[in-house]
């Protein structure tokens, strides 16, 4: 069972879900707006909401608290949604999880 927040209500789900293990060597947090994917970047994709686009992993500072929390972002959300204090905050300044650019050397 996993508690998920949907439309400002926390629900328990028995559906499939996964956890993302952060890897400093492969991933990075990059500032963006409106969940736009900068040219050449590959986002670490998240789940999908029913009948919606793929969500991206978002990281934002909670206003007035200064604590960073993880949430979701997409262009359809027009920003990020961060669960905190029993509500889902709409945040305009946030970071999204990306795969780092990998360079390959040929010999």
PDB file of N, CA and C in Angstrom:
ATOM      1  N   UNK A   1       0.830  -1.177   0.000  1.00  0.00           N
ATOM      2  CA  UNK A   1       0.000   0.000   0.000  1.00  0.00           C
ATOM      3  C   UNK A   1       0.881   1.249   0.000  1.00  0.00           C
ATOM      4  N   UNK A   2       0.432   2.269  -0.726  1.00  0.00           N
ATOM      5  CA  UNK A   2       1.181   3.512  -0.815  1.00  0.00           C
ATOM      6  C   UNK A   2       0.204   4.677  -0.716  1.00  0.00           C
ATOM      7  N   UNK A   3       0.440   5.641   0.217  1.00  0.00           N
ATOM      8  CA  UNK A   3      -0.438   6.813   0.268  1.00  0.00           C
ATOM      9  C   UNK A   3      -0.078   7.795  -0.849  1.00  0.00           C
ATOM     10  N   UNK A   4      -1.078   8.213  -1.635  1.00  0.00           N
ATOM     11  CA  UNK A   4      -0.881   9.165  -2.720  1.00  0.00           C
ATOM     12  C   UNK A   4      -1.850  10.318  -2.557  1.00  0.00           C
ATOM     13  N   UNK A   5      -1.408  11.516  -2.967  1.00  0.00           N
ATOM     14  CA  UNK A   5      -2.266  12.684  -2.901  1.00  0.00           C
ATOM     15  C   UNK A   5      -2.830  12.944  -4.297  1.00  0.00           C
ATOM     16  N   UNK A   6      -4.160  13.063  -4.374  1.00  0.00           N
ATOM     17  CA  UNK A   6      -4.833  13.371  -5.628  1.00  0.00           C
ATOM     18  C   UNK A   6      -5.970  14.325  -5.341  1.00  0.00           C
ATOM     19  N   UNK A   7      -5.998  15.452  -6.066  1.00  0.00           N
ATOM     20  CA  UNK A   7      -7.019  16.476  -5.867  1.00  0.00           C
ATOM     21  C   UNK A   7      -7.150  16.870  -4.397  1.00  0.00           C
ATOM     22  N   UNK A   8      -6.004  17.109  -3.767  1.00  0.00           N
ATOM     23  CA  UNK A   8      -5.899  17.586  -2.386  1.00  0.00           C
ATOM     24  C   UNK A   8      -6.381  16.587  -1.342  1.00  0.00           C
ATOM     25  N   UNK A   9      -6.606  15.336  -1.722  1.00  0.00           N
ATOM     26  CA  UNK A   9      -7.026  14.306  -0.775  1.00  0.00           C
ATOM     27  C   UNK A   9      -6.000  13.184  -0.800  1.00  0.00           C
ATOM     28  N   UNK A  10      -5.581  12.730   0.387  1.00  0.00           N
ATOM     29  CA  UNK A  10      -4.632  11.629   0.457  1.00  0.00           C
ATOM     30  C   UNK A  10      -5.391  10.311   0.409  1.00  0.00           C
ATOM     31  N   UNK A  11      -4.996   9.454  -0.531  1.00  0.00           N
ATOM     32  CA  UNK A  11      -5.645   8.166  -0.740  1.00  0.00           C
ATOM     33  C   UNK A  11      -4.630   7.050  -0.630  1.00  0.00           C
ATOM     34  N   UNK A  12      -5.078   5.890  -0.197  1.00  0.00           N
ATOM     35  CA  UNK A  12      -4.230   4.701  -0.194  1.00  0.00           C
ATOM     36  C   UNK A  12      -4.463   3.963  -1.505  1.00  0.00           C
ATOM     37  N   UNK A  13      -3.391   3.507  -2.136  1.00  0.00           N
ATOM     38  CA  UNK A  13      -3.514   2.751  -3.379  1.00  0.00           C
ATOM     39  C   UNK A  13      -2.841   1.397  -3.231  1.00  0.00           C
ATOM     40  N   UNK A  14      -3.374   0.450  -3.917  1.00  0.00           N
ATOM     41  CA  UNK A  14      -2.768  -0.876  -3.977  1.00  0.00           C
ATOM     42  C   UNK A  14      -2.265  -1.147  -5.390  1.00  0.00           C
ATOM     43  N   UNK A  15      -2.270  -0.087  -6.239  1.00  0.00           N
ATOM     44  CA  UNK A  15      -1.760  -0.195  -7.607  1.00  0.00           C
ATOM     45  C   UNK A  15      -0.242  -0.298  -7.570  1.00  0.00           C
ATOM     46  N   UNK A  16       0.330  -0.648  -8.722  1.00  0.00           N
ATOM     47  CA  UNK A  16       1.789  -0.700  -8.828  1.00  0.00           C
ATOM     48  C   UNK A  16       2.373   0.695  -8.667  1.00  0.00           C
ATOM     49  N   UNK A  17       3.513   0.789  -8.018  1.00  0.00           N
ATOM     50  CA  UNK A  17       4.235   2.045  -7.885  1.00  0.00           C
ATOM     51  C   UNK A  17       5.711   1.730  -7.749  1.00  0.00           C
ATOM     52  N   UNK A  18       6.554   2.731  -7.882  1.00  0.00           N
ATOM     53  CA  UNK A  18       7.989   2.523  -7.746  1.00  0.00           C
ATOM     54  C   UNK A  18       8.618   3.720  -7.053  1.00  0.00           C
ATOM     55  N   UNK A  19       9.789   3.497  -6.512  1.00  0.00           N
ATOM     56  CA  UNK A  19      10.568   4.559  -5.891  1.00  0.00           C
ATOM     57  C   UNK A  19      11.798   4.811  -6.752  1.00  0.00           C
ATOM     58  N   UNK A  20      12.176   6.052  -6.889  1.00  0.00           N
ATOM     59  CA  UNK A  20      13.358   6.397  -7.673  1.00  0.00           C
ATOM     60  C   UNK A  20      14.540   6.527  -6.726  1.00  0.00           C
ATOM     61  N   UNK A  21      15.574   5.801  -7.013  1.00  0.00           N
ATOM     62  CA  UNK A  21      16.803   5.881  -6.231  1.00  0.00           C
ATOM     63  C   UNK A  21      17.720   6.908  -6.889  1.00  0.00           C
ATOM     64  N   UNK A  22      18.013   7.992  -6.163  1.00  0.00           N
ATOM     65  CA  UNK A  22      18.837   9.068  -6.727  1.00  0.00           C
ATOM     66  C   UNK A  22      20.287   8.615  -6.849  1.00  0.00           C
ATOM     67  N   UNK A  23      20.894   8.880  -8.002  1.00  0.00           N
ATOM     68  CA  UNK A  23      22.283   8.507  -8.265  1.00  0.00           C
ATOM     69  C   UNK A  23      23.025   9.769  -8.713  1.00  0.00           C
ATOM     70  N   UNK A  24      23.915  10.300  -7.851  1.00  0.00           N
ATOM     71  CA  UNK A  24      24.667  11.538  -8.158  1.00  0.00           C
ATOM     72  C   UNK A  24      25.467  11.447  -9.445  1.00  0.00           C
ATOM     73  N   UNK A  25      25.920  10.245  -9.796  1.00  0.00           N
ATOM     74  CA  UNK A  25      26.746  10.094 -10.991  1.00  0.00           C
ATOM     75  C   UNK A  25      25.912  10.190 -12.271  1.00  0.00           C
ATOM     76  N   UNK A  26      24.605   9.936 -12.180  1.00  0.00           N
ATOM     77  CA  UNK A  26      23.771   9.901 -13.379  1.00  0.00           C
ATOM     78  C   UNK A  26      22.682  10.960 -13.426  1.00  0.00           C
ATOM     79  N   UNK A  27      22.340  11.537 -12.266  1.00  0.00           N
ATOM     80  CA  UNK A  27      21.206  12.456 -12.207  1.00  0.00           C
ATOM     81  C   UNK A  27      21.601  13.800 -11.622  1.00  0.00           C
ATOM     82  N   UNK A  28      20.810  14.821 -11.950  1.00  0.00           N
ATOM     83  CA  UNK A  28      21.028  16.149 -11.395  1.00  0.00           C
ATOM     84  C   UNK A  28      19.705  16.889 -11.313  1.00  0.00           C
ATOM     85  N   UNK A  29      19.609  17.790 -10.349  1.00  0.00           N
ATOM     86  CA  UNK A  29      18.435  18.668 -10.232  1.00  0.00           C
ATOM     87  C   UNK A  29      18.737  19.941 -10.999  1.00  0.00           C
ATOM     88  N   UNK A  30      17.823  20.351 -11.898  1.00  0.00           N
ATOM     89  CA  UNK A  30      18.025  21.527 -12.729  1.00  0.00           C
ATOM     90  C   UNK A  30      16.810  22.442 -12.602  1.00  0.00           C
ATOM     91  N   UNK A  31      17.068  23.747 -12.385  1.00  0.00           N
ATOM     92  CA  UNK A  31      15.970  24.725 -12.268  1.00  0.00           C
ATOM     93  C   UNK A  31      15.279  24.879 -13.615  1.00  0.00           C
ATOM     94  N   UNK A  32      13.961  24.966 -13.566  1.00  0.00           N
ATOM     95  CA  UNK A  32      13.164  25.159 -14.773  1.00  0.00           C
ATOM     96  C   UNK A  32      11.832  25.778 -14.380  1.00  0.00           C
ATOM     97  N   UNK A  33      10.990  26.014 -15.359  1.00  0.00           N
ATOM     98  CA  UNK A  33       9.642  26.533 -15.112  1.00  0.00           C
ATOM     99  C   UNK A  33       8.668  25.828 -16.049  1.00  0.00           C
ATOM    100  N   UNK A  34       7.461  25.644 -15.593  1.00  0.00           N
ATOM    101  CA  UNK A  34       6.405  24.999 -16.374  1.00  0.00           C
ATOM    102  C   UNK A  34       6.789  23.606 -16.855  1.00  0.00           C
ATOM    103  N   UNK A  35       7.691  22.930 -16.145  1.00  0.00           N
ATOM    104  CA  UNK A  35       8.132  21.569 -16.463  1.00  0.00           C
ATOM    105  C   UNK A  35       8.682  21.450 -17.883  1.00  0.00           C
ATOM    106  N   UNK A  36       9.214  22.537 -18.402  1.00  0.00           N
ATOM    107  CA  UNK A  36       9.791  22.501 -19.748  1.00  0.00           C
ATOM    108  C   UNK A  36      11.106  21.745 -19.719  1.00  0.00           C
ATOM    109  N   UNK A  37      11.337  20.967 -20.748  1.00  0.00           N
ATOM    110  CA  UNK A  37      12.570  20.187 -20.880  1.00  0.00           C
ATOM    111  C   UNK A  37      13.563  20.994 -21.701  1.00  0.00           C
ATOM    112  N   UNK A  38      14.646  21.473 -21.072  1.00  0.00           N
ATOM    113  CA  UNK A  38      15.650  22.219 -21.844  1.00  0.00           C
ATOM    114  C   UNK A  38      16.251  21.343 -22.944  1.00  0.00           C
ATOM    115  N   UNK A  39      16.609  21.964 -24.044  1.00  0.00           N
ATOM    116  CA  UNK A  39      17.182  21.241 -25.177  1.00  0.00           C
ATOM    117  C   UNK A  39      18.373  20.401 -24.716  1.00  0.00           C
ATOM    118  N   UNK A  40      18.401  19.162 -25.132  1.00  0.00           N
ATOM    119  CA  UNK A  40      19.513  18.268 -24.815  1.00  0.00           C
ATOM    120  C   UNK A  40      19.397  17.574 -23.481  1.00  0.00           C
ATOM    121  N   UNK A  41      18.373  17.884 -22.694  1.00  0.00           N
ATOM    122  CA  UNK A  41      18.191  17.247 -21.382  1.00  0.00           C
ATOM    123  C   UNK A  41      17.164  16.125 -21.493  1.00  0.00           C
ATOM    124  N   UNK A  42      17.369  15.088 -20.697  1.00  0.00           N
ATOM    125  CA  UNK A  42      16.435  13.969 -20.633  1.00  0.00           C
ATOM    126  C   UNK A  42      15.896  13.906 -19.207  1.00  0.00           C
ATOM    127  N   UNK A  43      14.589  14.147 -19.025  1.00  0.00           N
ATOM    128  CA  UNK A  43      14.053  14.106 -17.665  1.00  0.00           C
ATOM    129  C   UNK A  43      13.939  12.669 -17.167  1.00  0.00           C
ATOM    130  N   UNK A  44      14.054  12.501 -15.866  1.00  0.00           N
ATOM    131  CA  UNK A  44      13.780  11.213 -15.243  1.00  0.00           C
ATOM    132  C   UNK A  44      12.265  11.181 -15.073  1.00  0.00           C
ATOM    133  N   UNK A  45      11.595  10.421 -15.916  1.00  0.00           N
ATOM    134  CA  UNK A  45      10.141  10.408 -15.940  1.00  0.00           C
ATOM    135  C   UNK A  45       9.532   9.797 -14.691  1.00  0.00           C
ATOM    136  N   UNK A  46       8.355  10.262 -14.359  1.00  0.00           N
ATOM    137  CA  UNK A  46       7.617   9.738 -13.230  1.00  0.00           C
ATOM    138  C   UNK A  46       6.374   9.014 -13.706  1.00  0.00           C
ATOM    139  N   UNK A  47       5.370   8.998 -12.889  1.00  0.00           N
ATOM    140  CA  UNK A  47       4.119   8.315 -13.191  1.00  0.00           C
ATOM    141  C   UNK A  47       3.257   9.160 -14.118  1.00  0.00           C
ATOM    142  N   UNK A  48       2.065   8.697 -14.364  1.00  0.00           N
ATOM    143  CA  UNK A  48       1.064   9.449 -15.119  1.00  0.00           C
ATOM    144  C   UNK A  48      -0.186   9.544 -14.268  1.00  0.00           C
ATOM    145  N   UNK A  49      -0.817  10.713 -14.299  1.00  0.00           N
ATOM    146  CA  UNK A  49      -2.127  10.823 -13.667  1.00  0.00           C
ATOM    147  C   UNK A  49      -3.146  10.311 -14.669  1.00  0.00           C
ATOM    148  N   UNK A  50      -4.298   9.903 -14.192  1.00  0.00           N
ATOM    149  CA  UNK A  50      -5.331   9.372 -15.085  1.00  0.00           C
ATOM    150  C   UNK A  50      -5.618  10.366 -16.206  1.00  0.00           C
ATOM    151  N   UNK A  51      -5.534   9.900 -17.436  1.00  0.00           N
ATOM    152  CA  UNK A  51      -5.835  10.708 -18.622  1.00  0.00           C
ATOM    153  C   UNK A  51      -4.954  11.958 -18.712  1.00  0.00           C
ATOM    154  N   UNK A  52      -3.742  11.896 -18.184  1.00  0.00           N
ATOM    155  CA  UNK A  52      -2.868  13.059 -18.210  1.00  0.00           C
ATOM    156  C   UNK A  52      -1.497  12.737 -18.762  1.00  0.00           C
ATOM    157  N   UNK A  53      -0.680  13.772 -18.902  1.00  0.00           N
ATOM    158  CA  UNK A  53       0.678  13.582 -19.414  1.00  0.00           C
ATOM    159  C   UNK A  53       1.581  12.961 -18.354  1.00  0.00           C
ATOM    160  N   UNK A  54       2.763  12.555 -18.787  1.00  0.00           N
ATOM    161  CA  UNK A  54       3.735  12.014 -17.844  1.00  0.00           C
ATOM    162  C   UNK A  54       4.154  13.104 -16.875  1.00  0.00           C
ATOM    163  N   UNK A  55       4.280  12.733 -15.619  1.00  0.00           N
ATOM    164  CA  UNK A  55       4.715  13.669 -14.587  1.00  0.00           C
ATOM    165  C   UNK A  55       6.227  13.594 -14.438  1.00  0.00           C
ATOM    166  N   UNK A  56       6.817  14.683 -13.993  1.00  0.00           N
ATOM    167  CA  UNK A  56       8.254  14.735 -13.734  1.00  0.00           C
ATOM    168  C   UNK A  56       8.468  14.910 -12.237  1.00  0.00           C
ATOM    169  N   UNK A  57       9.629  14.492 -11.760  1.00  0.00           N
ATOM    170  CA  UNK A  57       9.981  14.630 -10.347  1.00  0.00           C
ATOM    171  C   UNK A  57      10.404  16.075 -10.091  1.00  0.00           C
ATOM    172  N   UNK A  58       9.759  16.732  -9.138  1.00  0.00           N
ATOM    173  CA  UNK A  58      10.049  18.128  -8.827  1.00  0.00           C
ATOM    174  C   UNK A  58      10.576  18.257  -7.400  1.00  0.00           C
ATOM    175  N   UNK A  59      11.411  19.260  -7.179  1.00  0.00           N
ATOM    176  CA  UNK A  59      11.972  19.559  -5.865  1.00  0.00           C
ATOM    177  C   UNK A  59      11.811  21.059  -5.643  1.00  0.00           C
ATOM    178  N   UNK A  60      11.171  21.448  -4.535  1.00  0.00           N
ATOM    179  CA  UNK A  60      10.930  22.871  -4.288  1.00  0.00           C
ATOM    180  C   UNK A  60      11.100  23.198  -2.819  1.00  0.00           C
ATOM    181  N   UNK A  61      11.439  24.456  -2.560  1.00  0.00           N
ATOM    182  CA  UNK A  61      11.530  24.963  -1.193  1.00  0.00           C
ATOM    183  C   UNK A  61      10.133  25.411  -0.779  1.00  0.00           C
ATOM    184  N   UNK A  62       9.688  24.959   0.389  1.00  0.00           N
ATOM    185  CA  UNK A  62       8.381  25.347   0.900  1.00  0.00           C
ATOM    186  C   UNK A  62       8.465  26.802   1.378  1.00  0.00           C
ATOM    187  N   UNK A  63       7.654  27.697   0.803  1.00  0.00           N
ATOM    188  CA  UNK A  63       7.706  29.114   1.182  1.00  0.00           C
ATOM    189  C   UNK A  63       7.475  29.324   2.680  1.00  0.00           C
ATOM    190  N   UNK A  64       8.323  30.162   3.283  1.00  0.00           N
ATOM    191  CA  UNK A  64       8.187  30.489   4.695  1.00  0.00           C
ATOM    192  C   UNK A  64       8.761  29.453   5.634  1.00  0.00           C
ATOM    193  N   UNK A  65       9.086  28.268   5.121  1.00  0.00           N
ATOM    194  CA  UNK A  65       9.619  27.182   5.951  1.00  0.00           C
ATOM    195  C   UNK A  65      11.090  26.933   5.626  1.00  0.00           C
ATOM    196  N   UNK A  66      11.431  26.985   4.329  1.00  0.00           N
ATOM    197  CA  UNK A  66      12.805  26.784   3.897  1.00  0.00           C
ATOM    198  C   UNK A  66      13.202  25.327   3.746  1.00  0.00           C
ATOM    199  N   UNK A  67      12.247  24.406   3.822  1.00  0.00           N
ATOM    200  CA  UNK A  67      12.516  22.975   3.686  1.00  0.00           C
ATOM    201  C   UNK A  67      12.266  22.557   2.249  1.00  0.00           C
ATOM    202  N   UNK A  68      13.175  21.741   1.677  1.00  0.00           N
ATOM    203  CA  UNK A  68      12.964  21.226   0.329  1.00  0.00           C
ATOM    204  C   UNK A  68      12.124  19.954   0.402  1.00  0.00           C
ATOM    205  N   UNK A  69      11.112  19.880  -0.468  1.00  0.00           N
ATOM    206  CA  UNK A  69      10.227  18.714  -0.537  1.00  0.00           C
ATOM    207  C   UNK A  69      10.098  18.281  -1.993  1.00  0.00           C
ATOM    208  N   UNK A  70       9.845  17.002  -2.179  1.00  0.00           N
ATOM    209  CA  UNK A  70       9.686  16.436  -3.515  1.00  0.00           C
ATOM    210  C   UNK A  70       8.206  16.365  -3.863  1.00  0.00           C
ATOM    211  N   UNK A  71       7.912  16.633  -5.134  1.00  0.00           N
ATOM    212  CA  UNK A  71       6.541  16.551  -5.616  1.00  0.00           C
ATOM    213  C   UNK A  71       6.531  16.191  -7.089  1.00  0.00           C
ATOM    214  N   UNK A  72       5.556  16.712  -7.818  1.00  0.00           N
ATOM    215  CA  UNK A  72       5.376  16.387  -9.228  1.00  0.00           C
ATOM    216  C   UNK A  72       5.256  17.666 -10.042  1.00  0.00           C
ATOM    217  N   UNK A  73       5.598  17.564 -11.336  1.00  0.00           N
ATOM    218  CA  UNK A  73       5.485  18.714 -12.231  1.00  0.00           C
ATOM    219  C   UNK A  73       5.111  18.224 -13.622  1.00  0.00           C
ATOM    220  N   UNK A  74       4.446  19.087 -14.377  1.00  0.00           N
ATOM    221  CA  UNK A  74       4.177  18.853 -15.792  1.00  0.00           C
ATOM    222  C   UNK A  74       3.730  20.184 -16.383  1.00  0.00           C
ATOM    223  N   UNK A  75       3.785  20.277 -17.708  1.00  0.00           N
ATOM    224  CA  UNK A  75       3.313  21.499 -18.353  1.00  0.00           C
ATOM    225  C   UNK A  75       1.833  21.705 -18.073  1.00  0.00           C
ATOM    226  N   UNK A  76       1.069  20.613 -18.011  1.00  0.00           N
ATOM    227  CA  UNK A  76      -0.372  20.709 -17.750  1.00  0.00           C
ATOM    228  C   UNK A  76      -0.663  21.286 -16.368  1.00  0.00           C
ATOM    229  N   UNK A  77       0.222  21.034 -15.394  1.00  0.00           N
ATOM    230  CA  UNK A  77       0.047  21.562 -14.036  1.00  0.00           C
ATOM    231  C   UNK A  77       0.472  23.025 -13.947  1.00  0.00           C
ATOM    232  N   UNK A  78       1.152  23.527 -14.983  1.00  0.00           N
ATOM    233  CA  UNK A  78       1.670  24.899 -15.010  1.00  0.00           C
ATOM    234  C   UNK A  78       2.564  25.189 -13.809  1.00  0.00           C
ATOM    235  N   UNK A  79       3.432  24.243 -13.509  1.00  0.00           N
ATOM    236  CA  UNK A  79       4.339  24.375 -12.379  1.00  0.00           C
ATOM    237  C   UNK A  79       4.482  23.043 -11.675  1.00  0.00           C
ATOM    238  N   UNK A  80       4.794  23.118 -10.396  1.00  0.00           N
ATOM    239  CA  UNK A  80       4.959  21.904  -9.594  1.00  0.00           C
ATOM    240  C   UNK A  80       3.909  21.871  -8.494  1.00  0.00           C
ATOM    241  N   UNK A  81       3.550  20.686  -8.085  1.00  0.00           N
ATOM    242  CA  UNK A  81       2.641  20.465  -6.957  1.00  0.00           C
ATOM    243  C   UNK A  81       3.436  19.712  -5.901  1.00  0.00           C
ATOM    244  N   UNK A  82       3.539  20.323  -4.721  1.00  0.00           N
ATOM    245  CA  UNK A  82       4.343  19.767  -3.638  1.00  0.00           C
ATOM    246  C   UNK A  82       3.436  19.501  -2.440  1.00  0.00           C
ATOM    247  N   UNK A  83       3.346  18.236  -1.977  1.00  0.00           N
ATOM    248  CA  UNK A  83       2.517  17.952  -0.811  1.00  0.00           C
ATOM    249  C   UNK A  83       3.197  18.438   0.468  1.00  0.00           C
ATOM    250  N   UNK A  84       2.460  19.200   1.284  1.00  0.00           N
ATOM    251  CA  UNK A  84       3.016  19.679   2.545  1.00  0.00           C
ATOM    252  C   UNK A  84       1.881  20.147   3.448  1.00  0.00           C
ATOM    253  N   UNK A  85       1.907  19.730   4.685  1.00  0.00           N
ATOM    254  CA  UNK A  85       0.937  20.201   5.674  1.00  0.00           C
ATOM    255  C   UNK A  85      -0.504  19.850   5.349  1.00  0.00           C
ATOM    256  N   UNK A  86      -0.724  18.716   4.691  1.00  0.00           N
ATOM    257  CA  UNK A  86      -2.083  18.286   4.389  1.00  0.00           C
ATOM    258  C   UNK A  86      -2.687  18.883   3.136  1.00  0.00           C
ATOM    259  N   UNK A  87      -1.903  19.690   2.404  1.00  0.00           N
ATOM    260  CA  UNK A  87      -2.383  20.270   1.145  1.00  0.00           C
ATOM    261  C   UNK A  87      -1.328  20.072   0.063  1.00  0.00           C
ATOM    262  N   UNK A  88      -1.724  20.364  -1.162  1.00  0.00           N
ATOM    263  CA  UNK A  88      -0.810  20.289  -2.286  1.00  0.00           C
ATOM    264  C   UNK A  88      -0.511  21.717  -2.735  1.00  0.00           C
ATOM    265  N   UNK A  89       0.710  22.190  -2.493  1.00  0.00           N
ATOM    266  CA  UNK A  89       1.092  23.562  -2.833  1.00  0.00           C
ATOM    267  C   UNK A  89       1.436  23.678  -4.309  1.00  0.00           C
ATOM    268  N   UNK A  90       0.964  24.732  -4.963  1.00  0.00           N
ATOM    269  CA  UNK A  90       1.334  25.021  -6.347  1.00  0.00           C
ATOM    270  C   UNK A  90       2.550  25.928  -6.311  1.00  0.00           C
ATOM    271  N   UNK A  91       3.671  25.464  -6.850  1.00  0.00           N
ATOM    272  CA  UNK A  91       4.942  26.168  -6.760  1.00  0.00           C
ATOM    273  C   UNK A  91       5.431  26.516  -8.167  1.00  0.00           C
ATOM    274  N   UNK A  92       5.889  27.742  -8.349  1.00  0.00           N
ATOM    275  CA  UNK A  92       6.374  28.181  -9.651  1.00  0.00           C
ATOM    276  C   UNK A  92       7.891  28.107  -9.781  1.00  0.00           C
ATOM    277  N   UNK A  93       8.614  28.160  -8.663  1.00  0.00           N
ATOM    278  CA  UNK A  93      10.077  28.068  -8.688  1.00  0.00           C
ATOM    279  C   UNK A  93      10.468  26.716  -8.115  1.00  0.00           C
ATOM    280  N   UNK A  94      11.107  25.886  -8.938  1.00  0.00           N
ATOM    281  CA  UNK A  94      11.418  24.519  -8.532  1.00  0.00           C
ATOM    282  C   UNK A  94      12.503  23.932  -9.435  1.00  0.00           C
ATOM    283  N   UNK A  95      12.907  22.718  -9.114  1.00  0.00           N
ATOM    284  CA  UNK A  95      13.884  21.988  -9.910  1.00  0.00           C
ATOM    285  C   UNK A  95      13.255  20.679 -10.380  1.00  0.00           C
ATOM    286  N   UNK A  96      13.766  20.159 -11.497  1.00  0.00           N
ATOM    287  CA  UNK A  96      13.304  18.879 -12.029  1.00  0.00           C
ATOM    288  C   UNK A  96      14.503  17.944 -12.135  1.00  0.00           C
ATOM    289  N   UNK A  97      14.251  16.668 -11.910  1.00  0.00           N
ATOM    290  CA  UNK A  97      15.302  15.652 -11.955  1.00  0.00           C
ATOM    291  C   UNK A  97      15.597  15.255 -13.400  1.00  0.00           C
ATOM    292  N   UNK A  98      16.873  15.401 -13.794  1.00  0.00           N
ATOM    293  CA  UNK A  98      17.322  15.095 -15.154  1.00  0.00           C
ATOM    294  C   UNK A  98      18.438  14.076 -15.131  1.00  0.00           C
ATOM    295  N   UNK A  99      18.594  13.376 -16.247  1.00  0.00           N
ATOM    296  CA  UNK A  99      19.783  12.554 -16.433  1.00  0.00           C
ATOM    297  C   UNK A  99      20.913  13.488 -16.824  1.00  0.00           C
ATOM    298  N   UNK A 100      22.085  13.295 -16.233  1.00  0.00           N
ATOM    299  CA  UNK A 100      23.232  14.118 -16.594  1.00  0.00           C
ATOM    300  C   UNK A 100      23.677  13.771 -18.002  1.00  0.00           C
ATOM    301  N   UNK A 101      24.274  14.737 -18.665  1.00  0.00           N
ATOM    302  CA  UNK A 101      24.849  14.476 -19.989  1.00  0.00           C
ATOM    303  C   UNK A 101      26.030  13.546 -19.814  1.00  0.00           C
ATOM    304  N   UNK A 102      26.021  12.486 -20.561  1.00  0.00           N
ATOM    305  CA  UNK A 102      27.120  11.526 -20.478  1.00  0.00           C
ATOM    306  C   UNK A 102      28.016  11.688 -21.691  1.00  0.00           C
ATOM    307  N   UNK A 103      29.309  11.707 -21.476  1.00  0.00           N
ATOM    308  CA  UNK A 103      30.231  11.819 -22.604  1.00  0.00           C
ATOM    309  C   UNK A 103      30.899  10.464 -22.809  1.00  0.00           C
ATOM    310  N   UNK A 104      31.106  10.117 -24.058  1.00  0.00           N
ATOM    311  CA  UNK A 104      31.740   8.848 -24.386  1.00  0.00           C
ATOM    312  C   UNK A 104      33.024   9.137 -25.145  1.00  0.00           C
ATOM    313  N   UNK A 105      34.069   8.464 -24.781  1.00  0.00           N
ATOM    314  CA  UNK A 105      35.342   8.604 -25.494  1.00  0.00           C
ATOM    315  C   UNK A 105      35.559   7.384 -26.340  1.00  0.00           C
ATOM    316  N   UNK A 106      36.005   7.560 -27.566  1.00  0.00           N
ATOM    317  CA  UNK A 106      36.339   6.423 -28.414  1.00  0.00           C
ATOM    318  C   UNK A 106      37.833   6.307 -28.495  1.00  0.00           C
ATOM    319  N   UNK A 107      38.324   5.102 -28.599  1.00  0.00           N
ATOM    320  CA  UNK A 107      39.773   4.896 -28.675  1.00  0.00           C
ATOM    321  C   UNK A 107      40.118   4.270 -29.986  1.00  0.00           C
TER     322      UNK A 107
END
